[in-house]
């Protein structure tokens, strides 16, 4: 069973930066995309963005230009660099890996943006 282990989130001030990482416990074959979702209290889970095997990335409009997703295949790790954070970025962030047979999820990590 592959596990996705996310780094600890934390508290960051408005306008600040934070980097999250997500590492798979072993190499996953057939990855279609690696990325991130988030869920704020009372809200539905929201797609943040992903990176595919050729390195191409896509982002939700709400984070475009502020967040960057990258991956290190040798380390089985995907990163989420969050810059210029806003109060509305406060949420539990979940790592996601899409494979042909479904989705894998991390346990989630809390990010809180304070003013």
C-alpha atoms as a PDB file:
ATOM      1  CA  UNK A   1       0.000   0.000   0.000  1.00  0.00           C
ATOM      2  CA  UNK A   2       1.465   3.321  -1.087  1.00  0.00           C
ATOM      3  CA  UNK A   3       1.170   6.181   1.375  1.00  0.00           C
ATOM      4  CA  UNK A   4       1.338   9.868   0.562  1.00  0.00           C
ATOM      5  CA  UNK A   5       3.048  11.814   3.331  1.00  0.00           C
ATOM      6  CA  UNK A   6       2.563  15.563   3.398  1.00  0.00           C
ATOM      7  CA  UNK A   7       4.764  18.056   5.136  1.00  0.00           C
ATOM      8  CA  UNK A   8       3.414  20.058   7.994  1.00  0.00           C
ATOM      9  CA  UNK A   9       1.479  23.168   7.014  1.00  0.00           C
ATOM     10  CA  UNK A  10       1.293  26.022   9.422  1.00  0.00           C
ATOM     11  CA  UNK A  11       0.472  29.622  10.066  1.00  0.00           C
ATOM     12  CA  UNK A  12       1.568  32.241   7.551  1.00  0.00           C
ATOM     13  CA  UNK A  13       0.863  35.940   7.338  1.00  0.00           C
ATOM     14  CA  UNK A  14      -1.051  37.510   4.501  1.00  0.00           C
ATOM     15  CA  UNK A  15       1.322  38.134   1.637  1.00  0.00           C
ATOM     16  CA  UNK A  16       3.778  35.528   2.883  1.00  0.00           C
ATOM     17  CA  UNK A  17       4.976  32.239   1.434  1.00  0.00           C
ATOM     18  CA  UNK A  18       4.850  28.600   2.371  1.00  0.00           C
ATOM     19  CA  UNK A  19       5.962  25.411   0.644  1.00  0.00           C
ATOM     20  CA  UNK A  20       4.221  22.091   1.068  1.00  0.00           C
ATOM     21  CA  UNK A  21       5.614  18.763  -0.015  1.00  0.00           C
ATOM     22  CA  UNK A  22       4.066  15.352  -0.532  1.00  0.00           C
ATOM     23  CA  UNK A  23       6.188  12.223  -0.765  1.00  0.00           C
ATOM     24  CA  UNK A  24       5.038   8.792  -1.853  1.00  0.00           C
ATOM     25  CA  UNK A  25       6.300   5.888   0.263  1.00  0.00           C
ATOM     26  CA  UNK A  26       7.397   4.121  -2.909  1.00  0.00           C
ATOM     27  CA  UNK A  27       7.472   4.680  -6.632  1.00  0.00           C
ATOM     28  CA  UNK A  28       4.019   4.709  -8.196  1.00  0.00           C
ATOM     29  CA  UNK A  29       3.666   3.297 -11.689  1.00  0.00           C
ATOM     30  CA  UNK A  30       1.363   4.852 -14.243  1.00  0.00           C
ATOM     31  CA  UNK A  31       0.925   8.267 -12.663  1.00  0.00           C
ATOM     32  CA  UNK A  32      -1.347  10.482 -14.731  1.00  0.00           C
ATOM     33  CA  UNK A  33      -0.989  13.578 -12.560  1.00  0.00           C
ATOM     34  CA  UNK A  34       0.202  14.711  -9.161  1.00  0.00           C
ATOM     35  CA  UNK A  35      -1.303  17.720  -7.508  1.00  0.00           C
ATOM     36  CA  UNK A  36      -3.198  19.389  -4.735  1.00  0.00           C
ATOM     37  CA  UNK A  37      -6.720  20.021  -3.565  1.00  0.00           C
ATOM     38  CA  UNK A  38      -7.898  22.069  -0.622  1.00  0.00           C
ATOM     39  CA  UNK A  39     -10.940  22.205   1.607  1.00  0.00           C
ATOM     40  CA  UNK A  40     -11.981  25.080   3.808  1.00  0.00           C
ATOM     41  CA  UNK A  41     -14.526  24.628   6.618  1.00  0.00           C
ATOM     42  CA  UNK A  42     -18.036  24.427   5.232  1.00  0.00           C
ATOM     43  CA  UNK A  43     -16.796  24.308   1.646  1.00  0.00           C
ATOM     44  CA  UNK A  44     -16.480  21.531  -0.883  1.00  0.00           C
ATOM     45  CA  UNK A  45     -13.088  20.170  -1.802  1.00  0.00           C
ATOM     46  CA  UNK A  46     -11.492  22.438  -4.396  1.00  0.00           C
ATOM     47  CA  UNK A  47      -8.910  21.509  -7.006  1.00  0.00           C
ATOM     48  CA  UNK A  48      -5.804  23.690  -6.716  1.00  0.00           C
ATOM     49  CA  UNK A  49      -3.652  22.398  -9.540  1.00  0.00           C
ATOM     50  CA  UNK A  50      -1.583  19.534 -10.876  1.00  0.00           C
ATOM     51  CA  UNK A  51       1.499  18.546 -12.825  1.00  0.00           C
ATOM     52  CA  UNK A  52       1.586  15.793 -15.425  1.00  0.00           C
ATOM     53  CA  UNK A  53       4.379  13.512 -16.589  1.00  0.00           C
ATOM     54  CA  UNK A  54       5.776  15.924 -19.184  1.00  0.00           C
ATOM     55  CA  UNK A  55       6.052  18.644 -16.550  1.00  0.00           C
ATOM     56  CA  UNK A  56       3.077  20.661 -17.723  1.00  0.00           C
ATOM     57  CA  UNK A  57       1.070  22.330 -14.999  1.00  0.00           C
ATOM     58  CA  UNK A  58      -2.446  23.642 -14.637  1.00  0.00           C
ATOM     59  CA  UNK A  59      -3.918  25.762 -11.880  1.00  0.00           C
ATOM     60  CA  UNK A  60      -7.245  26.942 -10.586  1.00  0.00           C
ATOM     61  CA  UNK A  61      -7.933  30.580 -11.433  1.00  0.00           C
ATOM     62  CA  UNK A  62      -7.976  31.406  -7.733  1.00  0.00           C
ATOM     63  CA  UNK A  63      -4.274  30.538  -7.333  1.00  0.00           C
ATOM     64  CA  UNK A  64      -2.872  31.142 -10.808  1.00  0.00           C
ATOM     65  CA  UNK A  65       0.191  33.360 -10.704  1.00  0.00           C
ATOM     66  CA  UNK A  66       0.655  32.825  -6.967  1.00  0.00           C
ATOM     67  CA  UNK A  67       1.056  29.077  -6.524  1.00  0.00           C
ATOM     68  CA  UNK A  68       3.527  26.802  -8.290  1.00  0.00           C
ATOM     69  CA  UNK A  69       3.511  23.025  -8.430  1.00  0.00           C
ATOM     70  CA  UNK A  70       6.680  21.081  -9.157  1.00  0.00           C
ATOM     71  CA  UNK A  71       7.873  17.518  -8.740  1.00  0.00           C
ATOM     72  CA  UNK A  72      11.060  15.604  -8.085  1.00  0.00           C
ATOM     73  CA  UNK A  73      10.654  12.175  -9.634  1.00  0.00           C
ATOM     74  CA  UNK A  74      13.803  10.821  -8.001  1.00  0.00           C
ATOM     75  CA  UNK A  75      12.311  11.608  -4.594  1.00  0.00           C
ATOM     76  CA  UNK A  76       8.723  10.632  -5.469  1.00  0.00           C
ATOM     77  CA  UNK A  77       7.744  14.095  -4.269  1.00  0.00           C
ATOM     78  CA  UNK A  78       5.445  16.855  -5.437  1.00  0.00           C
ATOM     79  CA  UNK A  79       5.657  20.387  -4.094  1.00  0.00           C
ATOM     80  CA  UNK A  80       3.245  23.279  -3.731  1.00  0.00           C
ATOM     81  CA  UNK A  81       4.925  26.671  -3.467  1.00  0.00           C
ATOM     82  CA  UNK A  82       2.425  29.197  -2.166  1.00  0.00           C
ATOM     83  CA  UNK A  83       3.301  32.878  -2.564  1.00  0.00           C
ATOM     84  CA  UNK A  84       1.351  36.053  -1.860  1.00  0.00           C
ATOM     85  CA  UNK A  85      -1.073  34.078   0.249  1.00  0.00           C
ATOM     86  CA  UNK A  86      -4.468  35.478   1.113  1.00  0.00           C
ATOM     87  CA  UNK A  87      -6.931  34.818   3.913  1.00  0.00           C
ATOM     88  CA  UNK A  88      -9.056  32.812   1.497  1.00  0.00           C
ATOM     89  CA  UNK A  89      -6.190  30.359   1.025  1.00  0.00           C
ATOM     90  CA  UNK A  90      -6.828  29.080   4.553  1.00  0.00           C
ATOM     91  CA  UNK A  91      -7.772  25.414   4.210  1.00  0.00           C
ATOM     92  CA  UNK A  92      -6.691  21.836   4.650  1.00  0.00           C
ATOM     93  CA  UNK A  93      -4.454  21.021   1.699  1.00  0.00           C
ATOM     94  CA  UNK A  94      -4.503  17.486   0.349  1.00  0.00           C
ATOM     95  CA  UNK A  95      -2.000  15.850  -1.936  1.00  0.00           C
ATOM     96  CA  UNK A  96      -3.525  13.893  -4.818  1.00  0.00           C
ATOM     97  CA  UNK A  97      -2.066  11.351  -7.235  1.00  0.00           C
ATOM     98  CA  UNK A  98      -4.134  10.201 -10.185  1.00  0.00           C
ATOM     99  CA  UNK A  99      -3.473   6.735 -11.556  1.00  0.00           C
ATOM    100  CA  UNK A 100      -5.449   4.743 -14.129  1.00  0.00           C
ATOM    101  CA  UNK A 101      -7.359   2.874 -11.425  1.00  0.00           C
ATOM    102  CA  UNK A 102      -8.274   5.843  -9.296  1.00  0.00           C
ATOM    103  CA  UNK A 103      -7.031   8.508  -6.937  1.00  0.00           C
ATOM    104  CA  UNK A 104      -4.642   8.406  -4.022  1.00  0.00           C
ATOM    105  CA  UNK A 105      -4.857  10.994  -1.237  1.00  0.00           C
ATOM    106  CA  UNK A 106      -2.639  12.332   1.485  1.00  0.00           C
ATOM    107  CA  UNK A 107      -3.979  12.859   4.974  1.00  0.00           C
ATOM    108  CA  UNK A 108      -4.185  16.624   4.567  1.00  0.00           C
ATOM    109  CA  UNK A 109      -2.301  19.446   6.238  1.00  0.00           C
ATOM    110  CA  UNK A 110      -3.700  22.665   7.657  1.00  0.00           C
ATOM    111  CA  UNK A 111      -2.620  26.012   6.250  1.00  0.00           C
ATOM    112  CA  UNK A 112      -3.863  29.097   8.044  1.00  0.00           C
ATOM    113  CA  UNK A 113      -3.314  32.592   6.697  1.00  0.00           C
ATOM    114  CA  UNK A 114      -3.488  35.369   9.255  1.00  0.00           C
ATOM    115  CA  UNK A 115      -3.794  39.094   8.697  1.00  0.00           C
END
